[in-house]
Amino acid sequence: ISNKLSSEFITVIEQEDILNLSQIIDDITDELDEVTI
């Protein structure tokens, strides 16, 4: 998602919002992984 956004000029919603949402989703999975660690 990050790589695609870096090369795309127009998106259906703001790039910053897509990136922020993707980052938080990534953080959720990381935090779930953290419990097993």
PDB file of all heavy atoms in Angstrom:
ATOM      1  N   ILE A   1       0.839  -1.202   0.000  1.00  0.00           N
ATOM      2  CA  ILE A   1       0.000   0.000   0.000  1.00  0.00           C
ATOM      3  C   ILE A   1       0.873   1.251   0.000  1.00  0.00           C
ATOM      4  O   ILE A   1       0.635   2.192  -0.777  1.00  0.00           O
ATOM      5  CB  ILE A   1      -0.951   0.000   1.220  1.00  0.00           C
ATOM      6  CG1 ILE A   1      -2.019  -1.083   1.046  1.00  0.00           C
ATOM      7  CG2 ILE A   1      -1.617   1.377   1.394  1.00  0.00           C
ATOM      8  CD1 ILE A   1      -2.904  -1.288   2.271  1.00  0.00           C
ATOM      9  N   SER A   2       1.893   1.266   0.839  1.00  0.00           N
ATOM     10  CA  SER A   2       2.794   2.424   0.917  1.00  0.00           C
ATOM     11  C   SER A   2       3.492   2.671  -0.418  1.00  0.00           C
ATOM     12  O   SER A   2       3.595   3.815  -0.881  1.00  0.00           O
ATOM     13  CB  SER A   2       3.835   2.216   2.020  1.00  0.00           C
ATOM     14  OG  SER A   2       3.217   2.083   3.275  1.00  0.00           O
ATOM     15  N   ASN A   3       3.964   1.604  -1.033  1.00  0.00           N
ATOM     16  CA  ASN A   3       4.674   1.731  -2.310  1.00  0.00           C
ATOM     17  C   ASN A   3       3.747   2.217  -3.422  1.00  0.00           C
ATOM     18  O   ASN A   3       4.134   3.056  -4.248  1.00  0.00           O
ATOM     19  CB  ASN A   3       5.297   0.387  -2.705  1.00  0.00           C
ATOM     20  CG  ASN A   3       6.453  -0.006  -1.817  1.00  0.00           C
ATOM     21  OD1 ASN A   3       7.087   0.849  -1.185  1.00  0.00           O
ATOM     22  ND2 ASN A   3       6.727  -1.299  -1.722  1.00  0.00           N
ATOM     23  N   LYS A   4       2.538   1.698  -3.457  1.00  0.00           N
ATOM     24  CA  LYS A   4       1.586   2.114  -4.480  1.00  0.00           C
ATOM     25  C   LYS A   4       1.212   3.590  -4.307  1.00  0.00           C
ATOM     26  O   LYS A   4       1.106   4.341  -5.281  1.00  0.00           O
ATOM     27  CB  LYS A   4       0.332   1.240  -4.428  1.00  0.00           C
ATOM     28  CG  LYS A   4       0.509  -0.142  -5.055  1.00  0.00           C
ATOM     29  CD  LYS A   4      -0.767  -0.950  -4.925  1.00  0.00           C
ATOM     30  CE  LYS A   4      -0.750  -2.183  -5.834  1.00  0.00           C
ATOM     31  NZ  LYS A   4       0.320  -3.121  -5.559  1.00  0.00           N
ATOM     32  N   LEU A   5       1.017   4.002  -3.066  1.00  0.00           N
ATOM     33  CA  LEU A   5       0.654   5.400  -2.807  1.00  0.00           C
ATOM     34  C   LEU A   5       1.762   6.358  -3.224  1.00  0.00           C
ATOM     35  O   LEU A   5       1.494   7.474  -3.682  1.00  0.00           O
ATOM     36  CB  LEU A   5       0.342   5.597  -1.312  1.00  0.00           C
ATOM     37  CG  LEU A   5      -1.010   5.079  -0.827  1.00  0.00           C
ATOM     38  CD1 LEU A   5      -1.078   5.149   0.697  1.00  0.00           C
ATOM     39  CD2 LEU A   5      -2.156   5.867  -1.445  1.00  0.00           C
ATOM     40  N   SER A   6       3.006   5.929  -3.089  1.00  0.00           N
ATOM     41  CA  SER A   6       4.134   6.807  -3.423  1.00  0.00           C
ATOM     42  C   SER A   6       4.231   7.099  -4.908  1.00  0.00           C
ATOM     43  O   SER A   6       4.868   8.076  -5.318  1.00  0.00           O
ATOM     44  CB  SER A   6       5.451   6.182  -2.928  1.00  0.00           C
ATOM     45  OG  SER A   6       5.754   5.013  -3.658  1.00  0.00           O
ATOM     46  N   SER A   7       3.587   6.267  -5.728  1.00  0.00           N
ATOM     47  CA  SER A   7       3.678   6.460  -7.177  1.00  0.00           C
ATOM     48  C   SER A   7       2.343   6.838  -7.813  1.00  0.00           C
ATOM     49  O   SER A   7       2.217   6.857  -9.025  1.00  0.00           O
ATOM     50  CB  SER A   7       4.209   5.175  -7.840  1.00  0.00           C
ATOM     51  OG  SER A   7       3.334   4.094  -7.605  1.00  0.00           O
ATOM     52  N   GLU A   8       1.348   7.137  -6.972  1.00  0.00           N
ATOM     53  CA  GLU A   8       0.024   7.452  -7.508  1.00  0.00           C
ATOM     54  C   GLU A   8      -0.357   8.881  -7.134  1.00  0.00           C
ATOM     55  O   GLU A   8      -0.252   9.283  -5.971  1.00  0.00           O
ATOM     56  CB  GLU A   8      -1.014   6.468  -6.963  1.00  0.00           C
ATOM     57  CG  GLU A   8      -2.348   6.568  -7.673  1.00  0.00           C
ATOM     58  CD  GLU A   8      -3.109   5.250  -7.622  1.00  0.00           C
ATOM     59  OE1 GLU A   8      -3.232   4.691  -6.521  1.00  0.00           O
ATOM     60  OE2 GLU A   8      -3.556   4.788  -8.672  1.00  0.00           O
ATOM     61  N   PHE A   9      -0.816   9.617  -8.117  1.00  0.00           N
ATOM     62  CA  PHE A   9      -1.124  11.033  -7.906  1.00  0.00           C
ATOM     63  C   PHE A   9      -2.541  11.234  -7.383  1.00  0.00           C
ATOM     64  O   PHE A   9      -2.786  12.051  -6.507  1.00  0.00           O
ATOM     65  CB  PHE A   9      -0.929  11.798  -9.216  1.00  0.00           C
ATOM     66  CG  PHE A   9      -1.217  13.269  -9.088  1.00  0.00           C
ATOM     67  CD1 PHE A   9      -0.396  14.081  -8.310  1.00  0.00           C
ATOM     68  CD2 PHE A   9      -2.305  13.842  -9.732  1.00  0.00           C
ATOM     69  CE1 PHE A   9      -0.656  15.436  -8.179  1.00  0.00           C
ATOM     70  CE2 PHE A   9      -2.576  15.198  -9.611  1.00  0.00           C
ATOM     71  CZ  PHE A   9      -1.743  15.994  -8.828  1.00  0.00           C
ATOM     72  N   ILE A  10      -3.497  10.466  -7.912  1.00  0.00           N
ATOM     73  CA  ILE A  10      -4.899  10.631  -7.550  1.00  0.00           C
ATOM     74  C   ILE A  10      -5.401   9.344  -6.895  1.00  0.00           C
ATOM     75  O   ILE A  10      -5.205   8.253  -7.421  1.00  0.00           O
ATOM     76  CB  ILE A  10      -5.768  10.954  -8.778  1.00  0.00           C
ATOM     77  CG1 ILE A  10      -5.339  12.285  -9.404  1.00  0.00           C
ATOM     78  CG2 ILE A  10      -7.252  11.001  -8.396  1.00  0.00           C
ATOM     79  CD1 ILE A  10      -6.023  12.587 -10.711  1.00  0.00           C
ATOM     80  N   THR A  11      -6.059   9.479  -5.743  1.00  0.00           N
ATOM     81  CA  THR A  11      -6.668   8.335  -5.066  1.00  0.00           C
ATOM     82  C   THR A  11      -8.108   8.687  -4.712  1.00  0.00           C
ATOM     83  O   THR A  11      -8.474   9.857  -4.617  1.00  0.00           O
ATOM     84  CB  THR A  11      -5.895   7.960  -3.786  1.00  0.00           C
ATOM     85  OG1 THR A  11      -5.720   9.131  -2.981  1.00  0.00           O
ATOM     86  CG2 THR A  11      -4.528   7.382  -4.123  1.00  0.00           C
ATOM     87  N   VAL A  12      -8.917   7.666  -4.486  1.00  0.00           N
ATOM     88  CA  VAL A  12     -10.350   7.881  -4.253  1.00  0.00           C
ATOM     89  C   VAL A  12     -10.591   8.640  -2.947  1.00  0.00           C
ATOM     90  O   VAL A  12     -11.566   9.388  -2.834  1.00  0.00           O
ATOM     91  CB  VAL A  12     -11.099   6.529  -4.262  1.00  0.00           C
ATOM     92  CG1 VAL A  12     -10.674   5.643  -3.108  1.00  0.00           C
ATOM     93  CG2 VAL A  12     -12.615   6.750  -4.274  1.00  0.00           C
ATOM     94  N   ILE A  13      -9.750   8.444  -1.963  1.00  0.00           N
ATOM     95  CA  ILE A  13      -9.738   9.257  -0.746  1.00  0.00           C
ATOM     96  C   ILE A  13      -8.298   9.708  -0.541  1.00  0.00           C
ATOM     97  O   ILE A  13      -7.380   9.206  -1.196  1.00  0.00           O
ATOM     98  CB  ILE A  13     -10.254   8.489   0.489  1.00  0.00           C
ATOM     99  CG1 ILE A  13      -9.472   7.189   0.702  1.00  0.00           C
ATOM    100  CG2 ILE A  13     -11.741   8.218   0.373  1.00  0.00           C
ATOM    101  CD1 ILE A  13      -9.919   6.385   1.911  1.00  0.00           C
ATOM    102  N   GLU A  14      -8.073  10.650   0.344  1.00  0.00           N
ATOM    103  CA  GLU A  14      -6.743  11.237   0.493  1.00  0.00           C
ATOM    104  C   GLU A  14      -5.691  10.176   0.836  1.00  0.00           C
ATOM    105  O   GLU A  14      -5.942   9.280   1.641  1.00  0.00           O
ATOM    106  CB  GLU A  14      -6.756  12.311   1.582  1.00  0.00           C
ATOM    107  CG  GLU A  14      -7.508  13.568   1.177  1.00  0.00           C
ATOM    108  CD  GLU A  14      -7.383  14.665   2.220  1.00  0.00           C
ATOM    109  OE1 GLU A  14      -6.463  14.593   3.059  1.00  0.00           O
ATOM    110  OE2 GLU A  14      -8.206  15.600   2.183  1.00  0.00           O
ATOM    111  N   GLN A  15      -4.539  10.316   0.213  1.00  0.00           N
ATOM    112  CA  GLN A  15      -3.454   9.370   0.433  1.00  0.00           C
ATOM    113  C   GLN A  15      -3.083   9.271   1.907  1.00  0.00           C
ATOM    114  O   GLN A  15      -2.814   8.188   2.421  1.00  0.00           O
ATOM    115  CB  GLN A  15      -2.230   9.778  -0.386  1.00  0.00           C
ATOM    116  CG  GLN A  15      -2.434   9.677  -1.883  1.00  0.00           C
ATOM    117  CD  GLN A  15      -1.175  10.040  -2.649  1.00  0.00           C
ATOM    118  OE1 GLN A  15      -0.153  10.376  -2.065  1.00  0.00           O
ATOM    119  NE2 GLN A  15      -1.251   9.964  -3.958  1.00  0.00           N
ATOM    120  N   GLU A  16      -3.081  10.414   2.589  1.00  0.00           N
ATOM    121  CA  GLU A  16      -2.712  10.434   4.003  1.00  0.00           C
ATOM    122  C   GLU A  16      -3.669   9.579   4.839  1.00  0.00           C
ATOM    123  O   GLU A  16      -3.243   8.872   5.759  1.00  0.00           O
ATOM    124  CB  GLU A  16      -2.719  11.870   4.519  1.00  0.00           C
ATOM    125  CG  GLU A  16      -2.330  11.994   5.985  1.00  0.00           C
ATOM    126  CD  GLU A  16      -2.375  13.427   6.474  1.00  0.00           C
ATOM    127  OE1 GLU A  16      -2.772  14.324   5.707  1.00  0.00           O
ATOM    128  OE2 GLU A  16      -2.008  13.649   7.647  1.00  0.00           O
ATOM    129  N   ASP A  17      -4.955   9.622   4.497  1.00  0.00           N
ATOM    130  CA  ASP A  17      -5.940   8.840   5.243  1.00  0.00           C
ATOM    131  C   ASP A  17      -5.762   7.343   4.985  1.00  0.00           C
ATOM    132  O   ASP A  17      -5.889   6.528   5.905  1.00  0.00           O
ATOM    133  CB  ASP A  17      -7.353   9.278   4.862  1.00  0.00           C
ATOM    134  CG  ASP A  17      -7.671  10.677   5.362  1.00  0.00           C
ATOM    135  OD1 ASP A  17      -7.131  11.058   6.419  1.00  0.00           O
ATOM    136  OD2 ASP A  17      -8.441  11.397   4.689  1.00  0.00           O
ATOM    137  N   ILE A  18      -5.494   6.985   3.741  1.00  0.00           N
ATOM    138  CA  ILE A  18      -5.238   5.578   3.418  1.00  0.00           C
ATOM    139  C   ILE A  18      -4.015   5.087   4.185  1.00  0.00           C
ATOM    140  O   ILE A  18      -4.025   4.010   4.788  1.00  0.00           O
ATOM    141  CB  ILE A  18      -5.021   5.393   1.903  1.00  0.00           C
ATOM    142  CG1 ILE A  18      -6.268   5.779   1.111  1.00  0.00           C
ATOM    143  CG2 ILE A  18      -4.635   3.942   1.590  1.00  0.00           C
ATOM    144  CD1 ILE A  18      -6.056   5.857  -0.389  1.00  0.00           C
ATOM    145  N   LEU A  19      -2.965   5.897   4.156  1.00  0.00           N
ATOM    146  CA  LEU A  19      -1.722   5.514   4.812  1.00  0.00           C
ATOM    147  C   LEU A  19      -1.903   5.405   6.325  1.00  0.00           C
ATOM    148  O   LEU A  19      -1.408   4.455   6.952  1.00  0.00           O
ATOM    149  CB  LEU A  19      -0.630   6.534   4.490  1.00  0.00           C
ATOM    150  CG  LEU A  19       0.809   6.138   4.827  1.00  0.00           C
ATOM    151  CD1 LEU A  19       1.206   4.869   4.102  1.00  0.00           C
ATOM    152  CD2 LEU A  19       1.755   7.270   4.480  1.00  0.00           C
ATOM    153  N   ASN A  20      -2.630   6.350   6.921  1.00  0.00           N
ATOM    154  CA  ASN A  20      -2.863   6.314   8.366  1.00  0.00           C
ATOM    155  C   ASN A  20      -3.657   5.067   8.764  1.00  0.00           C
ATOM    156  O   ASN A  20      -3.324   4.402   9.753  1.00  0.00           O
ATOM    157  CB  ASN A  20      -3.614   7.566   8.819  1.00  0.00           C
ATOM    158  CG  ASN A  20      -2.744   8.802   8.845  1.00  0.00           C
ATOM    159  OD1 ASN A  20      -1.518   8.702   8.821  1.00  0.00           O
ATOM    160  ND2 ASN A  20      -3.358   9.971   8.891  1.00  0.00           N
ATOM    161  N   LEU A  21      -4.692   4.766   7.994  1.00  0.00           N
ATOM    162  CA  LEU A  21      -5.511   3.604   8.308  1.00  0.00           C
ATOM    163  C   LEU A  21      -4.711   2.313   8.143  1.00  0.00           C
ATOM    164  O   LEU A  21      -4.773   1.418   8.995  1.00  0.00           O
ATOM    165  CB  LEU A  21      -6.756   3.587   7.424  1.00  0.00           C
ATOM    166  CG  LEU A  21      -7.811   2.525   7.742  1.00  0.00           C
ATOM    167  CD1 LEU A  21      -8.243   2.592   9.198  1.00  0.00           C
ATOM    168  CD2 LEU A  21      -9.013   2.688   6.824  1.00  0.00           C
ATOM    169  N   SER A  22      -3.938   2.242   7.077  1.00  0.00           N
ATOM    170  CA  SER A  22      -3.102   1.064   6.846  1.00  0.00           C
ATOM    171  C   SER A  22      -2.073   0.888   7.962  1.00  0.00           C
ATOM    172  O   SER A  22      -1.804  -0.234   8.411  1.00  0.00           O
ATOM    173  CB  SER A  22      -2.390   1.185   5.496  1.00  0.00           C
ATOM    174  OG  SER A  22      -1.545   0.073   5.272  1.00  0.00           O
ATOM    175  N   GLN A  23      -1.509   1.996   8.432  1.00  0.00           N
ATOM    176  CA  GLN A  23      -0.517   1.928   9.506  1.00  0.00           C
ATOM    177  C   GLN A  23      -1.133   1.415  10.805  1.00  0.00           C
ATOM    178  O   GLN A  23      -0.537   0.577  11.500  1.00  0.00           O
ATOM    179  CB  GLN A  23       0.102   3.307   9.736  1.00  0.00           C
ATOM    180  CG  GLN A  23       1.164   3.336  10.840  1.00  0.00           C
ATOM    181  CD  GLN A  23       2.337   2.433  10.532  1.00  0.00           C
ATOM    182  OE1 GLN A  23       3.046   2.650   9.543  1.00  0.00           O
ATOM    183  NE2 GLN A  23       2.552   1.407  11.351  1.00  0.00           N
ATOM    184  N   ILE A  24      -2.332   1.883  11.123  1.00  0.00           N
ATOM    185  CA  ILE A  24      -2.976   1.432  12.363  1.00  0.00           C
ATOM    186  C   ILE A  24      -3.339  -0.045  12.277  1.00  0.00           C
ATOM    187  O   ILE A  24      -3.168  -0.795  13.248  1.00  0.00           O
ATOM    188  CB  ILE A  24      -4.216   2.287  12.677  1.00  0.00           C
ATOM    189  CG1 ILE A  24      -3.821   3.747  12.901  1.00  0.00           C
ATOM    190  CG2 ILE A  24      -4.925   1.750  13.928  1.00  0.00           C
ATOM    191  CD1 ILE A  24      -4.997   4.692  13.063  1.00  0.00           C
ATOM    192  N   ILE A  25      -3.826  -0.482  11.122  1.00  0.00           N
ATOM    193  CA  ILE A  25      -4.132  -1.904  10.944  1.00  0.00           C
ATOM    194  C   ILE A  25      -2.857  -2.737  11.123  1.00  0.00           C
ATOM    195  O   ILE A  25      -2.864  -3.790  11.772  1.00  0.00           O
ATOM    196  CB  ILE A  25      -4.768  -2.174   9.570  1.00  0.00           C
ATOM    197  CG1 ILE A  25      -6.122  -1.475   9.465  1.00  0.00           C
ATOM    198  CG2 ILE A  25      -4.930  -3.675   9.331  1.00  0.00           C
ATOM    199  CD1 ILE A  25      -6.725  -1.489   8.071  1.00  0.00           C
ATOM    200  N   ASP A  26      -1.764  -2.239  10.566  1.00  0.00           N
ATOM    201  CA  ASP A  26      -0.482  -2.924  10.734  1.00  0.00           C
ATOM    202  C   ASP A  26      -0.093  -2.979  12.210  1.00  0.00           C
ATOM    203  O   ASP A  26       0.400  -4.006  12.693  1.00  0.00           O
ATOM    204  CB  ASP A  26       0.595  -2.197   9.927  1.00  0.00           C
ATOM    205  CG  ASP A  26       1.919  -2.932   9.929  1.00  0.00           C
ATOM    206  OD1 ASP A  26       1.985  -4.054   9.389  1.00  0.00           O
ATOM    207  OD2 ASP A  26       2.902  -2.396  10.487  1.00  0.00           O
ATOM    208  N   ASP A  27      -0.328  -1.891  12.920  1.00  0.00           N
ATOM    209  CA  ASP A  27      -0.021  -1.834  14.350  1.00  0.00           C
ATOM    210  C   ASP A  27      -0.858  -2.840  15.144  1.00  0.00           C
ATOM    211  O   ASP A  27      -0.373  -3.428  16.124  1.00  0.00           O
ATOM    212  CB  ASP A  27      -0.260  -0.429  14.898  1.00  0.00           C
ATOM    213  CG  ASP A  27       0.747   0.592  14.389  1.00  0.00           C
ATOM    214  OD1 ASP A  27       1.816   0.189  13.891  1.00  0.00           O
ATOM    215  OD2 ASP A  27       0.455   1.805  14.483  1.00  0.00           O
ATOM    216  N   ILE A  28      -2.097  -3.031  14.740  1.00  0.00           N
ATOM    217  CA  ILE A  28      -2.967  -4.006  15.417  1.00  0.00           C
ATOM    218  C   ILE A  28      -2.371  -5.406  15.307  1.00  0.00           C
ATOM    219  O   ILE A  28      -2.244  -6.130  16.299  1.00  0.00           O
ATOM    220  CB  ILE A  28      -4.388  -3.977  14.826  1.00  0.00           C
ATOM    221  CG1 ILE A  28      -5.087  -2.660  15.168  1.00  0.00           C
ATOM    222  CG2 ILE A  28      -5.222  -5.160  15.343  1.00  0.00           C
ATOM    223  CD1 ILE A  28      -6.382  -2.423  14.401  1.00  0.00           C
ATOM    224  N   THR A  29      -1.996  -5.793  14.085  1.00  0.00           N
ATOM    225  CA  THR A  29      -1.420  -7.117  13.885  1.00  0.00           C
ATOM    226  C   THR A  29      -0.102  -7.254  14.634  1.00  0.00           C
ATOM    227  O   THR A  29       0.176  -8.302  15.236  1.00  0.00           O
ATOM    228  CB  THR A  29      -1.212  -7.390  12.383  1.00  0.00           C
ATOM    229  OG1 THR A  29      -2.417  -7.110  11.669  1.00  0.00           O
ATOM    230  CG2 THR A  29      -0.824  -8.841  12.140  1.00  0.00           C
ATOM    231  N   ASP A  30       0.705  -6.209  14.616  1.00  0.00           N
ATOM    232  CA  ASP A  30       1.969  -6.224  15.363  1.00  0.00           C
ATOM    233  C   ASP A  30       1.726  -6.412  16.858  1.00  0.00           C
ATOM    234  O   ASP A  30       2.474  -7.138  17.529  1.00  0.00           O
ATOM    235  CB  ASP A  30       2.745  -4.919  15.138  1.00  0.00           C
ATOM    236  CG  ASP A  30       3.376  -4.835  13.759  1.00  0.00           C
ATOM    237  OD1 ASP A  30       3.430  -5.869  13.060  1.00  0.00           O
ATOM    238  OD2 ASP A  30       3.805  -3.728  13.380  1.00  0.00           O
ATOM    239  N   GLU A  31       0.698  -5.758  17.385  1.00  0.00           N
ATOM    240  CA  GLU A  31       0.417  -5.848  18.826  1.00  0.00           C
ATOM    241  C   GLU A  31      -0.076  -7.243  19.196  1.00  0.00           C
ATOM    242  O   GLU A  31       0.251  -7.770  20.271  1.00  0.00           O
ATOM    243  CB  GLU A  31      -0.616  -4.795  19.220  1.00  0.00           C
ATOM    244  CG  GLU A  31      -0.682  -4.508  20.694  1.00  0.00           C
ATOM    245  CD  GLU A  31       0.567  -3.823  21.226  1.00  0.00           C
ATOM    246  OE1 GLU A  31       1.161  -2.997  20.497  1.00  0.00           O
ATOM    247  OE2 GLU A  31       0.961  -4.123  22.372  1.00  0.00           O
ATOM    248  N   LEU A  32      -0.851  -7.860  18.325  1.00  0.00           N
ATOM    249  CA  LEU A  32      -1.276  -9.241  18.552  1.00  0.00           C
ATOM    250  C   LEU A  32      -0.074 -10.179  18.552  1.00  0.00           C
ATOM    251  O   LEU A  32       0.029 -11.076  19.396  1.00  0.00           O
ATOM    252  CB  LEU A  32      -2.282  -9.649  17.465  1.00  0.00           C
ATOM    253  CG  LEU A  32      -3.639  -8.933  17.518  1.00  0.00           C
ATOM    254  CD1 LEU A  32      -4.378  -9.073  16.192  1.00  0.00           C
ATOM    255  CD2 LEU A  32      -4.496  -9.480  18.661  1.00  0.00           C
ATOM    256  N   ASP A  33       0.829  -9.950  17.633  1.00  0.00           N
ATOM    257  CA  ASP A  33       2.071 -10.720  17.583  1.00  0.00           C
ATOM    258  C   ASP A  33       2.891 -10.498  18.854  1.00  0.00           C
ATOM    259  O   ASP A  33       3.523 -11.421  19.379  1.00  0.00           O
ATOM    260  CB  ASP A  33       2.867 -10.308  16.347  1.00  0.00           C
ATOM    261  CG  ASP A  33       4.161 -11.074  16.178  1.00  0.00           C
ATOM    262  OD1 ASP A  33       4.180 -12.297  16.429  1.00  0.00           O
ATOM    263  OD2 ASP A  33       5.170 -10.457  15.792  1.00  0.00           O
ATOM    264  N   GLU A  34       2.859  -9.270  19.358  1.00  0.00           N
ATOM    265  CA  GLU A  34       3.633  -8.920  20.554  1.00  0.00           C
ATOM    266  C   GLU A  34       3.220  -9.765  21.756  1.00  0.00           C
ATOM    267  O   GLU A  34       4.063 -10.108  22.597  1.00  0.00           O
ATOM    268  CB  GLU A  34       3.447  -7.429  20.868  1.00  0.00           C
ATOM    269  CG  GLU A  34       4.228  -6.926  22.055  1.00  0.00           C
ATOM    270  CD  GLU A  34       5.731  -6.937  21.844  1.00  0.00           C
ATOM    271  OE1 GLU A  34       6.184  -6.993  20.689  1.00  0.00           O
ATOM    272  OE2 GLU A  34       6.448  -6.895  22.858  1.00  0.00           O
ATOM    273  N   VAL A  35       1.955 -10.122  21.849  1.00  0.00           N
ATOM    274  CA  VAL A  35       1.499 -10.932  22.979  1.00  0.00           C
ATOM    275  C   VAL A  35       2.196 -12.294  22.970  1.00  0.00           C
ATOM    276  O   VAL A  35       2.651 -12.781  24.020  1.00  0.00           O
ATOM    277  CB  VAL A  35      -0.026 -11.107  22.956  1.00  0.00           C
ATOM    278  CG1 VAL A  35      -0.480 -12.008  24.116  1.00  0.00           C
ATOM    279  CG2 VAL A  35      -0.727  -9.762  23.043  1.00  0.00           C
ATOM    280  N   THR A  36       2.290 -12.910  21.809  1.00  0.00           N
ATOM    281  CA  THR A  36       2.965 -14.210  21.746  1.00  0.00           C
ATOM    282  C   THR A  36       4.449 -14.064  22.073  1.00  0.00           C
ATOM    283  O   THR A  36       5.048 -14.952  22.699  1.00  0.00           O
ATOM    284  CB  THR A  36       2.805 -14.856  20.359  1.00  0.00           C
ATOM    285  OG1 THR A  36       3.405 -14.021  19.353  1.00  0.00           O
ATOM    286  CG2 THR A  36       1.339 -15.058  20.016  1.00  0.00           C
ATOM    287  N   ILE A  37       5.038 -12.948  21.670  1.00  0.00           N
ATOM    288  CA  ILE A  37       6.445 -12.696  21.995  1.00  0.00           C
ATOM    289  C   ILE A  37       6.619 -12.538  23.502  1.00  0.00           C
ATOM    290  O   ILE A  37       7.562 -13.075  24.098  1.00  0.00           O
ATOM    291  CB  ILE A  37       6.957 -11.442  21.247  1.00  0.00           C
ATOM    292  CG1 ILE A  37       6.986 -11.686  19.737  1.00  0.00           C
ATOM    293  CG2 ILE A  37       8.349 -11.035  21.751  1.00  0.00           C
ATOM    294  CD1 ILE A  37       7.269 -10.438  18.908  1.00  0.00           C
TER     295      ILE A  37
END
